[in-house]
């Protein structure tokens, strides 16, 4: 292979690498909107709306009883004791319920946290409405203080019959440093 042919091969290789890098960057940039569309279309992931909804009038379906489980967790970097007052409860679609969550800052410093909700199975997400939730805004935690945080919710009676159990989980993340910047 002569010098001229070698340059052409190298030039083609460089352009191929550049195009692959640009394509990868573009794909990475598009992942978040594509993921959101995918979740919306398929109902996967259990992404929950994080804004309050006005109380709607539903006809309570006394003939159906669902079990809702509450799971709490904290990001590994957040020193917070976080729990629900109940692990599970039986509910009737169309009736409003309030469950209390408790969080205690276990440090000597003031913290700010944000709770991210999730619902499983994902198909149940669109049938869960929250009129009140600590997840709608950032939460400030004073040192060694216990906070009570209520969640008022309802399950739309049109939820598919196949759904008998659902899980509402919250994960708290420490955003104290982000608030100070």
C-alpha atoms as a PDB file:
ATOM      1  CA  UNK A   1       0.000   0.000   0.000  1.00  0.00           C
ATOM      2  CA  UNK A   2       1.474   3.317  -0.985  1.00  0.00           C
ATOM      3  CA  UNK A   3       1.422   6.554   0.987  1.00  0.00           C
ATOM      4  CA  UNK A   4      -1.525   8.047  -0.963  1.00  0.00           C
ATOM      5  CA  UNK A   5      -3.723   4.988  -0.439  1.00  0.00           C
ATOM      6  CA  UNK A   6      -2.794   4.900   3.243  1.00  0.00           C
ATOM      7  CA  UNK A   7      -3.897   8.533   3.665  1.00  0.00           C
ATOM      8  CA  UNK A   8      -7.246   7.819   1.987  1.00  0.00           C
ATOM      9  CA  UNK A   9      -7.872   4.823   4.255  1.00  0.00           C
ATOM     10  CA  UNK A  10      -6.907   6.835   7.356  1.00  0.00           C
ATOM     11  CA  UNK A  11      -9.084   9.770   6.248  1.00  0.00           C
ATOM     12  CA  UNK A  12     -12.083   7.436   5.780  1.00  0.00           C
ATOM     13  CA  UNK A  13     -11.449   5.865   9.174  1.00  0.00           C
ATOM     14  CA  UNK A  14     -11.254   9.255  10.900  1.00  0.00           C
ATOM     15  CA  UNK A  15     -14.485  10.404   9.261  1.00  0.00           C
ATOM     16  CA  UNK A  16     -16.190   7.153  10.292  1.00  0.00           C
ATOM     17  CA  UNK A  17     -15.073   7.630  13.900  1.00  0.00           C
ATOM     18  CA  UNK A  18     -16.235  11.271  13.912  1.00  0.00           C
ATOM     19  CA  UNK A  19     -19.648  10.301  12.501  1.00  0.00           C
ATOM     20  CA  UNK A  20     -20.053   7.520  15.071  1.00  0.00           C
ATOM     21  CA  UNK A  21     -19.111   9.937  17.897  1.00  0.00           C
ATOM     22  CA  UNK A  22     -21.577  12.581  16.649  1.00  0.00           C
ATOM     23  CA  UNK A  23     -24.286   9.913  16.297  1.00  0.00           C
ATOM     24  CA  UNK A  24     -23.659   8.653  19.823  1.00  0.00           C
ATOM     25  CA  UNK A  25     -23.821  12.189  21.209  1.00  0.00           C
ATOM     26  CA  UNK A  26     -27.085  12.842  19.375  1.00  0.00           C
ATOM     27  CA  UNK A  27     -28.586   9.571  20.575  1.00  0.00           C
ATOM     28  CA  UNK A  28     -27.555  10.304  24.165  1.00  0.00           C
ATOM     29  CA  UNK A  29     -29.040  13.800  23.935  1.00  0.00           C
ATOM     30  CA  UNK A  30     -32.347  12.385  22.616  1.00  0.00           C
ATOM     31  CA  UNK A  31     -32.645   9.598  25.221  1.00  0.00           C
ATOM     32  CA  UNK A  32     -34.584  11.565  27.862  1.00  0.00           C
ATOM     33  CA  UNK A  33     -37.391  12.770  25.561  1.00  0.00           C
ATOM     34  CA  UNK A  34     -37.529   9.374  23.850  1.00  0.00           C
ATOM     35  CA  UNK A  35     -37.720   7.618  27.214  1.00  0.00           C
ATOM     36  CA  UNK A  36     -40.531   9.922  28.375  1.00  0.00           C
ATOM     37  CA  UNK A  37     -42.510   9.228  25.200  1.00  0.00           C
ATOM     38  CA  UNK A  38     -41.884   5.495  25.559  1.00  0.00           C
ATOM     39  CA  UNK A  39     -43.121   5.536  29.185  1.00  0.00           C
ATOM     40  CA  UNK A  40     -46.187   7.563  28.264  1.00  0.00           C
ATOM     41  CA  UNK A  41     -47.113   5.248  25.386  1.00  0.00           C
ATOM     42  CA  UNK A  42     -46.482   1.952  27.182  1.00  0.00           C
ATOM     43  CA  UNK A  43     -47.412   2.944  30.734  1.00  0.00           C
ATOM     44  CA  UNK A  44     -44.125   1.504  31.963  1.00  0.00           C
ATOM     45  CA  UNK A  45     -41.928   2.948  34.707  1.00  0.00           C
ATOM     46  CA  UNK A  46     -44.731   4.148  36.977  1.00  0.00           C
ATOM     47  CA  UNK A  47     -43.839   7.798  36.562  1.00  0.00           C
ATOM     48  CA  UNK A  48     -46.245   9.777  38.701  1.00  0.00           C
ATOM     49  CA  UNK A  49     -47.566  13.286  38.210  1.00  0.00           C
ATOM     50  CA  UNK A  50     -45.999  15.605  40.734  1.00  0.00           C
ATOM     51  CA  UNK A  51     -48.724  18.208  40.978  1.00  0.00           C
ATOM     52  CA  UNK A  52     -51.895  18.261  43.047  1.00  0.00           C
ATOM     53  CA  UNK A  53     -55.223  17.555  41.459  1.00  0.00           C
ATOM     54  CA  UNK A  54     -58.508  18.993  42.658  1.00  0.00           C
ATOM     55  CA  UNK A  55     -60.784  16.592  44.490  1.00  0.00           C
ATOM     56  CA  UNK A  56     -62.975  14.915  41.916  1.00  0.00           C
ATOM     57  CA  UNK A  57     -66.296  13.304  42.693  1.00  0.00           C
ATOM     58  CA  UNK A  58     -66.182   9.571  42.105  1.00  0.00           C
ATOM     59  CA  UNK A  59     -68.747   6.919  42.813  1.00  0.00           C
ATOM     60  CA  UNK A  60     -67.076   4.682  45.367  1.00  0.00           C
ATOM     61  CA  UNK A  61     -66.882   1.080  44.175  1.00  0.00           C
ATOM     62  CA  UNK A  62     -67.643  -0.826  47.393  1.00  0.00           C
ATOM     63  CA  UNK A  63     -67.597  -4.118  45.475  1.00  0.00           C
ATOM     64  CA  UNK A  64     -63.862  -3.823  44.741  1.00  0.00           C
ATOM     65  CA  UNK A  65     -61.098  -3.878  47.255  1.00  0.00           C
ATOM     66  CA  UNK A  66     -57.522  -3.134  46.280  1.00  0.00           C
ATOM     67  CA  UNK A  67     -54.390  -3.441  48.375  1.00  0.00           C
ATOM     68  CA  UNK A  68     -51.938  -0.566  48.268  1.00  0.00           C
ATOM     69  CA  UNK A  69     -48.458  -0.990  49.683  1.00  0.00           C
ATOM     70  CA  UNK A  70     -46.278   1.932  50.746  1.00  0.00           C
ATOM     71  CA  UNK A  71     -42.522   1.688  50.346  1.00  0.00           C
ATOM     72  CA  UNK A  72     -40.094   4.310  51.565  1.00  0.00           C
ATOM     73  CA  UNK A  73     -36.399   4.641  50.864  1.00  0.00           C
ATOM     74  CA  UNK A  74     -33.712   7.275  50.959  1.00  0.00           C
ATOM     75  CA  UNK A  75     -30.825   7.868  48.636  1.00  0.00           C
ATOM     76  CA  UNK A  76     -27.643   6.506  50.184  1.00  0.00           C
ATOM     77  CA  UNK A  77     -26.359  10.054  50.697  1.00  0.00           C
ATOM     78  CA  UNK A  78     -29.343  11.281  52.725  1.00  0.00           C
ATOM     79  CA  UNK A  79     -29.226  10.722  56.499  1.00  0.00           C
ATOM     80  CA  UNK A  80     -32.999  10.609  56.968  1.00  0.00           C
ATOM     81  CA  UNK A  81     -35.177   8.132  58.855  1.00  0.00           C
ATOM     82  CA  UNK A  82     -38.213   7.810  56.577  1.00  0.00           C
ATOM     83  CA  UNK A  83     -41.281   5.585  56.965  1.00  0.00           C
ATOM     84  CA  UNK A  84     -45.002   5.328  56.298  1.00  0.00           C
ATOM     85  CA  UNK A  85     -47.518   5.004  59.141  1.00  0.00           C
ATOM     86  CA  UNK A  86     -48.829   1.837  57.450  1.00  0.00           C
ATOM     87  CA  UNK A  87     -47.069  -0.638  55.186  1.00  0.00           C
ATOM     88  CA  UNK A  88     -50.303  -1.704  53.458  1.00  0.00           C
ATOM     89  CA  UNK A  89     -53.950  -0.830  53.439  1.00  0.00           C
ATOM     90  CA  UNK A  90     -57.130  -2.064  51.797  1.00  0.00           C
ATOM     91  CA  UNK A  91     -58.924   0.584  49.752  1.00  0.00           C
ATOM     92  CA  UNK A  92     -62.031   0.995  47.616  1.00  0.00           C
ATOM     93  CA  UNK A  93     -61.631   2.780  44.271  1.00  0.00           C
ATOM     94  CA  UNK A  94     -63.301   6.181  44.295  1.00  0.00           C
ATOM     95  CA  UNK A  95     -62.803   6.868  48.019  1.00  0.00           C
ATOM     96  CA  UNK A  96     -60.214   9.369  49.225  1.00  0.00           C
ATOM     97  CA  UNK A  97     -57.659   8.177  51.745  1.00  0.00           C
ATOM     98  CA  UNK A  98     -54.962   9.902  53.748  1.00  0.00           C
ATOM     99  CA  UNK A  99     -51.810   8.148  54.863  1.00  0.00           C
ATOM    100  CA  UNK A 100     -49.101   9.797  56.925  1.00  0.00           C
ATOM    101  CA  UNK A 101     -45.398   9.545  56.270  1.00  0.00           C
ATOM    102  CA  UNK A 102     -42.752  10.426  58.836  1.00  0.00           C
ATOM    103  CA  UNK A 103     -39.228  11.678  58.275  1.00  0.00           C
ATOM    104  CA  UNK A 104     -36.562  12.578  60.796  1.00  0.00           C
ATOM    105  CA  UNK A 105     -33.299  14.343  60.092  1.00  0.00           C
ATOM    106  CA  UNK A 106     -30.668  12.295  61.910  1.00  0.00           C
ATOM    107  CA  UNK A 107     -27.929  14.938  61.638  1.00  0.00           C
ATOM    108  CA  UNK A 108     -27.022  18.160  63.418  1.00  0.00           C
ATOM    109  CA  UNK A 109     -27.520  20.188  60.225  1.00  0.00           C
ATOM    110  CA  UNK A 110     -30.556  21.489  58.413  1.00  0.00           C
ATOM    111  CA  UNK A 111     -31.302  19.488  55.234  1.00  0.00           C
ATOM    112  CA  UNK A 112     -33.454  19.942  52.156  1.00  0.00           C
ATOM    113  CA  UNK A 113     -34.863  16.885  50.435  1.00  0.00           C
ATOM    114  CA  UNK A 114     -36.995  15.979  47.461  1.00  0.00           C
ATOM    115  CA  UNK A 115     -39.161  12.858  47.290  1.00  0.00           C
ATOM    116  CA  UNK A 116     -39.587  11.098  43.959  1.00  0.00           C
ATOM    117  CA  UNK A 117     -42.727   8.951  43.718  1.00  0.00           C
ATOM    118  CA  UNK A 118     -43.273   5.806  41.703  1.00  0.00           C
ATOM    119  CA  UNK A 119     -46.272   3.524  41.169  1.00  0.00           C
ATOM    120  CA  UNK A 120     -46.306  -0.145  40.260  1.00  0.00           C
ATOM    121  CA  UNK A 121     -47.713  -1.631  38.165  1.00  0.00           C
ATOM    122  CA  UNK A 122     -47.125   1.153  35.676  1.00  0.00           C
ATOM    123  CA  UNK A 123     -50.630   0.825  34.233  1.00  0.00           C
ATOM    124  CA  UNK A 124     -52.041   2.014  37.588  1.00  0.00           C
ATOM    125  CA  UNK A 125     -50.197   5.320  37.379  1.00  0.00           C
ATOM    126  CA  UNK A 126     -52.882   7.112  35.384  1.00  0.00           C
ATOM    127  CA  UNK A 127     -55.586   6.032  37.862  1.00  0.00           C
ATOM    128  CA  UNK A 128     -53.853   7.353  40.995  1.00  0.00           C
ATOM    129  CA  UNK A 129     -54.546  10.988  41.823  1.00  0.00           C
ATOM    130  CA  UNK A 130     -53.031  12.858  44.739  1.00  0.00           C
ATOM    131  CA  UNK A 131     -54.738  15.928  46.174  1.00  0.00           C
ATOM    132  CA  UNK A 132     -51.957  16.457  48.718  1.00  0.00           C
ATOM    133  CA  UNK A 133     -48.412  15.110  48.796  1.00  0.00           C
ATOM    134  CA  UNK A 134     -45.041  16.070  50.234  1.00  0.00           C
ATOM    135  CA  UNK A 135     -43.590  15.059  46.866  1.00  0.00           C
ATOM    136  CA  UNK A 136     -45.046  18.179  45.231  1.00  0.00           C
ATOM    137  CA  UNK A 137     -42.305  20.372  46.692  1.00  0.00           C
ATOM    138  CA  UNK A 138     -38.942  20.382  48.402  1.00  0.00           C
ATOM    139  CA  UNK A 139     -38.976  19.549  52.107  1.00  0.00           C
ATOM    140  CA  UNK A 140     -36.840  21.212  54.762  1.00  0.00           C
ATOM    141  CA  UNK A 141     -35.741  19.108  57.708  1.00  0.00           C
ATOM    142  CA  UNK A 142     -34.482  20.689  60.911  1.00  0.00           C
ATOM    143  CA  UNK A 143     -31.795  18.787  62.867  1.00  0.00           C
ATOM    144  CA  UNK A 144     -33.185  15.823  64.846  1.00  0.00           C
ATOM    145  CA  UNK A 145     -36.800  16.864  64.189  1.00  0.00           C
ATOM    146  CA  UNK A 146     -39.540  14.444  63.190  1.00  0.00           C
ATOM    147  CA  UNK A 147     -41.917  15.655  60.463  1.00  0.00           C
ATOM    148  CA  UNK A 148     -45.352  14.311  59.651  1.00  0.00           C
ATOM    149  CA  UNK A 149     -46.176  14.501  55.947  1.00  0.00           C
ATOM    150  CA  UNK A 150     -49.654  13.443  54.784  1.00  0.00           C
ATOM    151  CA  UNK A 151     -50.566  12.090  51.357  1.00  0.00           C
ATOM    152  CA  UNK A 152     -54.206  12.328  50.269  1.00  0.00           C
ATOM    153  CA  UNK A 153     -55.022  10.113  47.305  1.00  0.00           C
ATOM    154  CA  UNK A 154     -57.769   8.360  45.392  1.00  0.00           C
ATOM    155  CA  UNK A 155     -57.821   5.539  42.862  1.00  0.00           C
ATOM    156  CA  UNK A 156     -60.101   6.158  39.900  1.00  0.00           C
ATOM    157  CA  UNK A 157     -62.830   3.465  39.862  1.00  0.00           C
ATOM    158  CA  UNK A 158     -62.186   2.888  36.143  1.00  0.00           C
ATOM    159  CA  UNK A 159     -58.870   1.198  37.000  1.00  0.00           C
ATOM    160  CA  UNK A 160     -58.700  -2.117  35.107  1.00  0.00           C
ATOM    161  CA  UNK A 161     -60.128  -5.127  36.964  1.00  0.00           C
ATOM    162  CA  UNK A 162     -56.816  -6.947  36.536  1.00  0.00           C
ATOM    163  CA  UNK A 163     -55.160  -4.535  38.997  1.00  0.00           C
ATOM    164  CA  UNK A 164     -55.719  -5.859  42.508  1.00  0.00           C
ATOM    165  CA  UNK A 165     -52.507  -4.712  44.204  1.00  0.00           C
ATOM    166  CA  UNK A 166     -50.435  -1.614  43.698  1.00  0.00           C
ATOM    167  CA  UNK A 167     -47.374  -0.081  45.261  1.00  0.00           C
ATOM    168  CA  UNK A 168     -46.727   3.588  45.928  1.00  0.00           C
ATOM    169  CA  UNK A 169     -43.085   4.187  46.698  1.00  0.00           C
ATOM    170  CA  UNK A 170     -41.122   7.295  47.545  1.00  0.00           C
ATOM    171  CA  UNK A 171     -37.376   7.823  47.462  1.00  0.00           C
ATOM    172  CA  UNK A 172     -35.953  10.902  49.187  1.00  0.00           C
ATOM    173  CA  UNK A 173     -32.901  12.622  47.721  1.00  0.00           C
ATOM    174  CA  UNK A 174     -30.708  15.138  49.533  1.00  0.00           C
ATOM    175  CA  UNK A 175     -30.673  18.413  47.591  1.00  0.00           C
ATOM    176  CA  UNK A 176     -29.248  20.571  50.388  1.00  0.00           C
ATOM    177  CA  UNK A 177     -26.067  21.462  48.460  1.00  0.00           C
ATOM    178  CA  UNK A 178     -28.036  22.322  45.330  1.00  0.00           C
ATOM    179  CA  UNK A 179     -30.189  24.780  47.295  1.00  0.00           C
ATOM    180  CA  UNK A 180     -27.149  26.568  48.737  1.00  0.00           C
ATOM    181  CA  UNK A 181     -25.548  27.226  45.346  1.00  0.00           C
END
